[in-house]
């Protein structure tokens, strides 16, 4: 599950509201599907602005602490997957707006998606009691 980036993108949203929304969705999923295990990804990096970056980091820190010992949620932050030389790598993302109006890259490109899959494979394998297929 990966949610939250569109919410922290809104100037009126605060990190704790986004966090509360994520918790509510996870709680609802757990209530409806009690034996389902959830892989919860941290909000991905972006280059929108410094405020969004900080809001995302706050949500991610809170989620990592909240679900650190959960039996049904595995939290995974794969931000480093999308960095080059320690910084956000915009070449791994694209602007999905078809109208040509400039926007910030929030969606992984095909190369970014490949890196995403490779980053979550070990966690998914562990959650499913399977071997890591990335090796």
N, C-alpha and C. Protein backbone atom coordinates (compact mmCIF):
# COMPACT_ATOMS: atom_id res chain seq x y z
N UNK A 1 0.85 -1.17 0.00
CA UNK A 1 0.00 0.00 0.00
C UNK A 1 0.90 1.23 0.00
N UNK A 2 0.59 2.15 -0.88
CA UNK A 2 1.35 3.39 -0.95
C UNK A 2 0.36 4.53 -1.09
N UNK A 3 0.24 5.35 -0.06
CA UNK A 3 -0.71 6.45 -0.07
C UNK A 3 -0.10 7.67 0.61
N UNK A 4 -0.64 8.83 0.34
CA UNK A 4 -0.25 10.02 1.07
C UNK A 4 0.39 11.13 0.27
N UNK A 5 1.08 10.82 -0.82
CA UNK A 5 1.83 11.87 -1.50
C UNK A 5 0.93 12.96 -2.08
N UNK A 6 -0.23 12.58 -2.58
CA UNK A 6 -1.14 13.59 -3.12
C UNK A 6 -1.70 14.47 -2.01
N UNK A 7 -1.80 13.94 -0.80
CA UNK A 7 -2.32 14.73 0.30
C UNK A 7 -1.29 15.72 0.83
N UNK A 8 -0.04 15.31 0.95
CA UNK A 8 0.97 16.25 1.44
C UNK A 8 1.33 17.27 0.36
N UNK A 9 0.92 16.99 -0.86
CA UNK A 9 1.14 17.92 -1.97
C UNK A 9 0.24 19.16 -1.83
N UNK A 10 -0.87 19.00 -1.14
CA UNK A 10 -1.81 20.11 -0.95
C UNK A 10 -1.30 21.03 0.16
N UNK A 11 -1.22 22.31 -0.12
CA UNK A 11 -0.68 23.27 0.84
C UNK A 11 -1.48 23.32 2.13
N UNK A 12 -2.77 23.01 2.07
CA UNK A 12 -3.61 23.10 3.27
C UNK A 12 -3.51 21.85 4.15
N UNK A 13 -2.91 20.78 3.64
CA UNK A 13 -2.79 19.54 4.41
C UNK A 13 -1.61 19.61 5.36
N UNK A 14 -1.80 19.03 6.52
CA UNK A 14 -0.74 18.92 7.52
C UNK A 14 -0.37 17.45 7.67
N UNK A 15 0.87 17.20 8.04
CA UNK A 15 1.37 15.83 8.12
C UNK A 15 0.52 14.96 9.04
N UNK A 16 0.04 15.52 10.14
CA UNK A 16 -0.73 14.72 11.10
C UNK A 16 -2.11 14.36 10.55
N UNK A 17 -2.65 15.17 9.66
CA UNK A 17 -3.91 14.82 9.00
C UNK A 17 -3.69 13.66 8.02
N UNK A 18 -2.59 13.73 7.28
CA UNK A 18 -2.25 12.65 6.35
C UNK A 18 -2.01 11.36 7.13
N UNK A 19 -1.28 11.46 8.23
CA UNK A 19 -1.02 10.30 9.08
C UNK A 19 -2.33 9.70 9.58
N UNK A 20 -3.24 10.54 10.07
CA UNK A 20 -4.52 10.05 10.58
C UNK A 20 -5.31 9.33 9.48
N UNK A 21 -5.25 9.87 8.26
CA UNK A 21 -5.93 9.22 7.15
C UNK A 21 -5.34 7.86 6.82
N UNK A 22 -4.03 7.77 6.83
CA UNK A 22 -3.38 6.49 6.56
C UNK A 22 -3.74 5.47 7.63
N UNK A 23 -3.71 5.89 8.88
CA UNK A 23 -4.06 4.98 9.98
C UNK A 23 -5.50 4.50 9.83
N UNK A 24 -6.41 5.41 9.49
CA UNK A 24 -7.82 5.04 9.33
C UNK A 24 -7.99 4.01 8.22
N UNK A 25 -7.29 4.18 7.12
CA UNK A 25 -7.39 3.22 6.01
C UNK A 25 -6.82 1.87 6.42
N UNK A 26 -5.68 1.88 7.08
CA UNK A 26 -5.08 0.62 7.54
C UNK A 26 -5.99 -0.08 8.54
N UNK A 27 -6.55 0.68 9.48
CA UNK A 27 -7.47 0.09 10.46
C UNK A 27 -8.70 -0.52 9.78
N UNK A 28 -9.22 0.18 8.78
CA UNK A 28 -10.39 -0.34 8.05
C UNK A 28 -10.03 -1.62 7.30
N UNK A 29 -8.89 -1.62 6.63
CA UNK A 29 -8.44 -2.83 5.94
C UNK A 29 -8.29 -3.99 6.91
N UNK A 30 -7.69 -3.71 8.05
CA UNK A 30 -7.47 -4.77 9.04
C UNK A 30 -8.79 -5.29 9.60
N UNK A 31 -9.74 -4.40 9.79
CA UNK A 31 -11.06 -4.84 10.29
C UNK A 31 -11.77 -5.70 9.26
N UNK A 32 -11.73 -5.29 8.01
CA UNK A 32 -12.43 -6.03 6.96
C UNK A 32 -11.69 -7.30 6.54
N UNK A 33 -10.36 -7.27 6.60
CA UNK A 33 -9.53 -8.39 6.15
C UNK A 33 -8.52 -8.74 7.24
N UNK A 34 -8.97 -9.31 8.35
CA UNK A 34 -8.10 -9.47 9.53
C UNK A 34 -6.89 -10.37 9.34
N UNK A 35 -6.89 -11.26 8.36
CA UNK A 35 -5.71 -12.11 8.20
C UNK A 35 -4.78 -11.60 7.10
N UNK A 36 -5.16 -10.51 6.45
CA UNK A 36 -4.34 -9.93 5.39
C UNK A 36 -3.18 -9.16 5.99
N UNK A 37 -2.01 -9.38 5.42
CA UNK A 37 -0.82 -8.63 5.83
C UNK A 37 -0.62 -7.49 4.85
N UNK A 38 -0.20 -6.36 5.36
CA UNK A 38 -0.06 -5.14 4.56
C UNK A 38 1.40 -4.73 4.49
N UNK A 39 1.88 -4.50 3.29
CA UNK A 39 3.18 -3.87 3.10
C UNK A 39 2.90 -2.39 2.88
N UNK A 40 3.25 -1.58 3.85
CA UNK A 40 3.00 -0.14 3.81
C UNK A 40 4.29 0.57 3.44
N UNK A 41 4.26 1.25 2.31
CA UNK A 41 5.45 1.98 1.86
C UNK A 41 5.41 3.41 2.35
N UNK A 42 6.58 3.91 2.72
CA UNK A 42 6.70 5.32 3.07
C UNK A 42 6.41 6.17 1.84
N UNK A 43 6.00 7.40 2.07
CA UNK A 43 5.74 8.31 0.97
C UNK A 43 7.05 8.52 0.22
N UNK A 44 6.98 8.38 -1.09
CA UNK A 44 8.18 8.50 -1.92
C UNK A 44 8.73 9.92 -1.91
N UNK A 45 10.00 10.03 -2.24
CA UNK A 45 10.64 11.33 -2.41
C UNK A 45 10.00 12.08 -3.57
N UNK A 46 10.12 13.39 -3.53
CA UNK A 46 9.71 14.22 -4.66
C UNK A 46 10.55 15.48 -4.63
N UNK A 47 10.41 16.28 -5.66
CA UNK A 47 11.11 17.56 -5.68
C UNK A 47 10.12 18.72 -5.77
N UNK A 48 8.94 18.53 -5.19
CA UNK A 48 7.88 19.54 -5.25
C UNK A 48 8.31 20.81 -4.54
N UNK A 49 8.62 20.68 -3.25
CA UNK A 49 9.11 21.81 -2.47
C UNK A 49 9.58 21.32 -1.10
N UNK A 50 10.25 22.18 -0.37
CA UNK A 50 10.81 21.80 0.93
C UNK A 50 9.72 21.47 1.95
N UNK A 51 8.60 22.19 1.89
CA UNK A 51 7.50 21.93 2.83
C UNK A 51 6.97 20.51 2.65
N UNK A 52 6.72 20.12 1.40
CA UNK A 52 6.21 18.78 1.15
C UNK A 52 7.22 17.72 1.59
N UNK A 53 8.48 17.95 1.32
CA UNK A 53 9.52 17.01 1.72
C UNK A 53 9.51 16.80 3.23
N UNK A 54 9.39 17.88 3.98
CA UNK A 54 9.36 17.78 5.45
C UNK A 54 8.07 17.10 5.93
N UNK A 55 6.94 17.45 5.33
CA UNK A 55 5.67 16.81 5.71
C UNK A 55 5.75 15.30 5.45
N UNK A 56 6.28 14.91 4.29
CA UNK A 56 6.44 13.49 3.97
C UNK A 56 7.34 12.79 4.99
N UNK A 57 8.44 13.43 5.35
CA UNK A 57 9.37 12.85 6.32
C UNK A 57 8.70 12.65 7.68
N UNK A 58 7.88 13.61 8.08
CA UNK A 58 7.18 13.48 9.37
C UNK A 58 6.19 12.31 9.35
N UNK A 59 5.44 12.20 8.26
CA UNK A 59 4.50 11.08 8.14
C UNK A 59 5.28 9.77 8.18
N UNK A 60 6.35 9.68 7.41
CA UNK A 60 7.13 8.45 7.35
C UNK A 60 7.74 8.08 8.70
N UNK A 61 8.26 9.06 9.42
CA UNK A 61 8.82 8.77 10.76
C UNK A 61 7.73 8.22 11.68
N UNK A 62 6.57 8.85 11.67
CA UNK A 62 5.48 8.40 12.54
C UNK A 62 5.02 6.99 12.17
N UNK A 63 4.87 6.73 10.88
CA UNK A 63 4.45 5.39 10.44
C UNK A 63 5.47 4.33 10.83
N UNK A 64 6.75 4.65 10.68
CA UNK A 64 7.78 3.67 11.01
C UNK A 64 7.74 3.30 12.49
N UNK A 65 7.47 4.29 13.34
CA UNK A 65 7.37 4.03 14.78
C UNK A 65 6.08 3.30 15.13
N UNK A 66 5.00 3.74 14.55
CA UNK A 66 3.69 3.17 14.86
C UNK A 66 3.59 1.69 14.49
N UNK A 67 4.17 1.33 13.36
CA UNK A 67 4.03 -0.05 12.89
C UNK A 67 5.30 -0.89 13.05
N UNK A 68 6.23 -0.42 13.86
CA UNK A 68 7.51 -1.13 14.05
C UNK A 68 7.32 -2.56 14.55
N UNK A 69 6.33 -2.78 15.38
CA UNK A 69 6.13 -4.11 15.96
C UNK A 69 4.77 -4.71 15.61
N UNK A 70 4.21 -4.24 14.53
CA UNK A 70 2.89 -4.71 14.10
C UNK A 70 2.97 -6.14 13.57
N UNK A 71 1.92 -6.90 13.85
CA UNK A 71 1.82 -8.26 13.33
C UNK A 71 1.23 -8.30 11.93
N UNK A 72 0.55 -7.23 11.53
CA UNK A 72 -0.13 -7.26 10.24
C UNK A 72 0.34 -6.19 9.26
N UNK A 73 1.16 -5.23 9.72
CA UNK A 73 1.69 -4.20 8.83
C UNK A 73 3.21 -4.26 8.86
N UNK A 74 3.79 -4.33 7.67
CA UNK A 74 5.23 -4.20 7.53
C UNK A 74 5.47 -2.85 6.87
N UNK A 75 6.15 -1.97 7.60
CA UNK A 75 6.46 -0.65 7.06
C UNK A 75 7.81 -0.69 6.36
N UNK A 76 7.89 -0.10 5.19
CA UNK A 76 9.13 -0.09 4.43
C UNK A 76 9.30 1.26 3.76
N UNK A 77 10.41 1.91 4.03
CA UNK A 77 10.74 3.18 3.39
C UNK A 77 11.84 2.90 2.37
N UNK A 78 11.52 3.07 1.11
CA UNK A 78 12.49 2.77 0.05
C UNK A 78 13.01 4.05 -0.61
N UNK A 79 13.04 5.13 0.14
CA UNK A 79 13.46 6.43 -0.39
C UNK A 79 14.85 6.37 -1.03
N UNK A 80 15.76 5.64 -0.44
CA UNK A 80 17.11 5.58 -0.98
C UNK A 80 17.15 5.00 -2.40
N UNK A 81 16.14 4.22 -2.74
CA UNK A 81 16.03 3.64 -4.07
C UNK A 81 15.96 4.72 -5.14
N UNK A 82 15.41 5.87 -4.77
CA UNK A 82 15.17 6.95 -5.72
C UNK A 82 16.14 8.11 -5.57
N UNK A 83 17.32 7.80 -5.04
CA UNK A 83 18.35 8.83 -4.87
C UNK A 83 19.55 8.55 -5.75
N UNK A 84 20.22 9.60 -6.13
CA UNK A 84 21.51 9.51 -6.80
C UNK A 84 22.41 10.52 -6.11
N UNK A 85 23.55 10.06 -5.66
CA UNK A 85 24.48 10.92 -4.92
C UNK A 85 23.80 11.53 -3.69
N UNK A 86 22.93 10.76 -3.04
CA UNK A 86 22.28 11.19 -1.82
C UNK A 86 21.11 12.14 -1.99
N UNK A 87 20.72 12.43 -3.24
CA UNK A 87 19.63 13.37 -3.49
C UNK A 87 18.59 12.75 -4.41
N UNK A 88 17.38 13.29 -4.36
CA UNK A 88 16.29 12.87 -5.23
C UNK A 88 16.76 12.84 -6.69
N UNK A 89 16.50 11.73 -7.36
CA UNK A 89 16.89 11.58 -8.76
C UNK A 89 15.66 11.76 -9.66
N UNK A 90 15.47 12.95 -10.21
CA UNK A 90 14.28 13.20 -11.03
C UNK A 90 14.20 12.36 -12.29
N UNK A 91 15.32 11.78 -12.72
CA UNK A 91 15.30 10.96 -13.93
C UNK A 91 14.51 9.66 -13.72
N UNK A 92 14.21 9.31 -12.47
CA UNK A 92 13.45 8.10 -12.17
C UNK A 92 11.96 8.35 -12.08
N UNK A 93 11.55 9.60 -12.34
CA UNK A 93 10.15 9.99 -12.25
C UNK A 93 9.74 10.75 -13.49
N UNK A 94 8.45 10.93 -13.65
CA UNK A 94 7.96 11.72 -14.78
C UNK A 94 6.74 12.53 -14.35
N UNK A 95 6.42 13.51 -15.13
CA UNK A 95 5.23 14.33 -14.94
C UNK A 95 4.14 13.69 -15.76
N UNK A 96 3.09 13.21 -15.10
CA UNK A 96 2.06 12.45 -15.80
C UNK A 96 0.98 13.32 -16.42
N UNK A 97 1.11 14.62 -16.35
CA UNK A 97 0.07 15.47 -16.92
C UNK A 97 0.18 15.50 -18.44
N UNK A 98 -0.87 15.09 -19.13
CA UNK A 98 -0.82 15.02 -20.59
C UNK A 98 -0.97 16.38 -21.28
N UNK A 99 -1.36 17.40 -20.55
CA UNK A 99 -1.65 18.69 -21.18
C UNK A 99 -0.42 19.57 -21.37
N UNK A 100 0.75 19.08 -20.93
CA UNK A 100 1.97 19.84 -21.14
C UNK A 100 2.23 20.93 -20.13
N UNK A 101 1.31 21.14 -19.20
CA UNK A 101 1.53 22.13 -18.15
C UNK A 101 2.58 21.56 -17.19
N UNK A 102 3.58 22.34 -16.91
CA UNK A 102 4.67 21.85 -16.05
C UNK A 102 4.16 21.49 -14.67
N UNK A 103 4.62 20.39 -14.17
CA UNK A 103 4.30 19.93 -12.82
C UNK A 103 5.52 19.23 -12.26
N UNK A 104 5.42 18.80 -11.03
CA UNK A 104 6.54 18.12 -10.41
C UNK A 104 6.40 16.61 -10.57
N UNK A 105 7.51 15.96 -10.69
CA UNK A 105 7.53 14.52 -10.89
C UNK A 105 7.13 13.80 -9.61
N UNK A 106 6.02 13.09 -9.66
CA UNK A 106 5.57 12.31 -8.50
C UNK A 106 5.45 10.82 -8.82
N UNK A 107 5.46 10.47 -10.10
CA UNK A 107 5.21 9.09 -10.51
C UNK A 107 6.48 8.46 -11.08
N UNK A 108 6.85 7.29 -10.56
CA UNK A 108 8.05 6.64 -11.07
C UNK A 108 7.93 6.29 -12.56
N UNK A 109 9.01 6.51 -13.27
CA UNK A 109 9.11 6.11 -14.68
C UNK A 109 9.24 4.59 -14.72
N UNK A 110 9.36 4.02 -15.90
CA UNK A 110 9.52 2.57 -16.01
C UNK A 110 10.80 2.11 -15.29
N UNK A 111 11.86 2.90 -15.38
CA UNK A 111 13.10 2.57 -14.66
C UNK A 111 12.87 2.69 -13.15
N UNK A 112 12.18 3.74 -12.74
CA UNK A 112 11.85 3.91 -11.32
C UNK A 112 10.96 2.79 -10.80
N UNK A 113 10.02 2.35 -11.62
CA UNK A 113 9.15 1.25 -11.22
C UNK A 113 9.93 -0.05 -11.06
N UNK A 114 10.90 -0.27 -11.94
CA UNK A 114 11.74 -1.47 -11.82
C UNK A 114 12.51 -1.43 -10.49
N UNK A 115 13.06 -0.26 -10.15
CA UNK A 115 13.79 -0.11 -8.89
C UNK A 115 12.85 -0.32 -7.70
N UNK A 116 11.62 0.16 -7.82
CA UNK A 116 10.60 0.01 -6.79
C UNK A 116 10.35 -1.48 -6.54
N UNK A 117 10.12 -2.24 -7.61
CA UNK A 117 9.87 -3.68 -7.50
C UNK A 117 11.05 -4.38 -6.83
N UNK A 118 12.25 -4.05 -7.28
CA UNK A 118 13.44 -4.68 -6.71
C UNK A 118 13.59 -4.34 -5.22
N UNK A 119 13.18 -3.13 -4.83
CA UNK A 119 13.32 -2.72 -3.44
C UNK A 119 12.32 -3.41 -2.51
N UNK A 120 11.13 -3.73 -3.03
CA UNK A 120 10.12 -4.35 -2.15
C UNK A 120 10.12 -5.87 -2.20
N UNK A 121 10.78 -6.46 -3.20
CA UNK A 121 10.77 -7.91 -3.35
C UNK A 121 11.21 -8.66 -2.08
N UNK A 122 12.31 -8.28 -1.43
CA UNK A 122 12.71 -9.01 -0.22
C UNK A 122 11.65 -8.95 0.88
N UNK A 123 11.02 -7.81 1.06
CA UNK A 123 9.99 -7.69 2.10
C UNK A 123 8.76 -8.52 1.75
N UNK A 124 8.34 -8.48 0.49
CA UNK A 124 7.19 -9.29 0.08
C UNK A 124 7.48 -10.78 0.23
N UNK A 125 8.67 -11.18 -0.15
CA UNK A 125 9.06 -12.59 -0.01
C UNK A 125 9.03 -13.01 1.46
N UNK A 126 9.56 -12.17 2.33
CA UNK A 126 9.57 -12.48 3.75
C UNK A 126 8.14 -12.55 4.31
N UNK A 127 7.30 -11.62 3.90
CA UNK A 127 5.92 -11.63 4.38
C UNK A 127 5.16 -12.87 3.94
N UNK A 128 5.50 -13.38 2.76
CA UNK A 128 4.81 -14.54 2.22
C UNK A 128 5.50 -15.86 2.55
N UNK A 129 6.60 -15.77 3.30
CA UNK A 129 7.34 -16.98 3.66
C UNK A 129 7.99 -17.63 2.46
N UNK A 130 8.32 -16.83 1.48
CA UNK A 130 8.90 -17.30 0.24
C UNK A 130 10.37 -16.90 0.22
N UNK A 131 11.09 -17.40 -0.74
CA UNK A 131 12.48 -16.99 -0.86
C UNK A 131 12.54 -15.66 -1.63
N UNK A 132 13.56 -14.90 -1.37
CA UNK A 132 13.81 -13.62 -2.05
C UNK A 132 14.18 -13.90 -3.50
N UNK A 133 13.32 -13.48 -4.44
CA UNK A 133 13.55 -13.76 -5.86
C UNK A 133 14.45 -12.74 -6.52
N UNK A 134 14.86 -11.72 -5.76
CA UNK A 134 15.73 -10.71 -6.36
C UNK A 134 17.19 -11.15 -6.37
N UNK A 135 17.50 -12.27 -5.76
CA UNK A 135 18.89 -12.74 -5.69
C UNK A 135 19.15 -13.77 -6.74
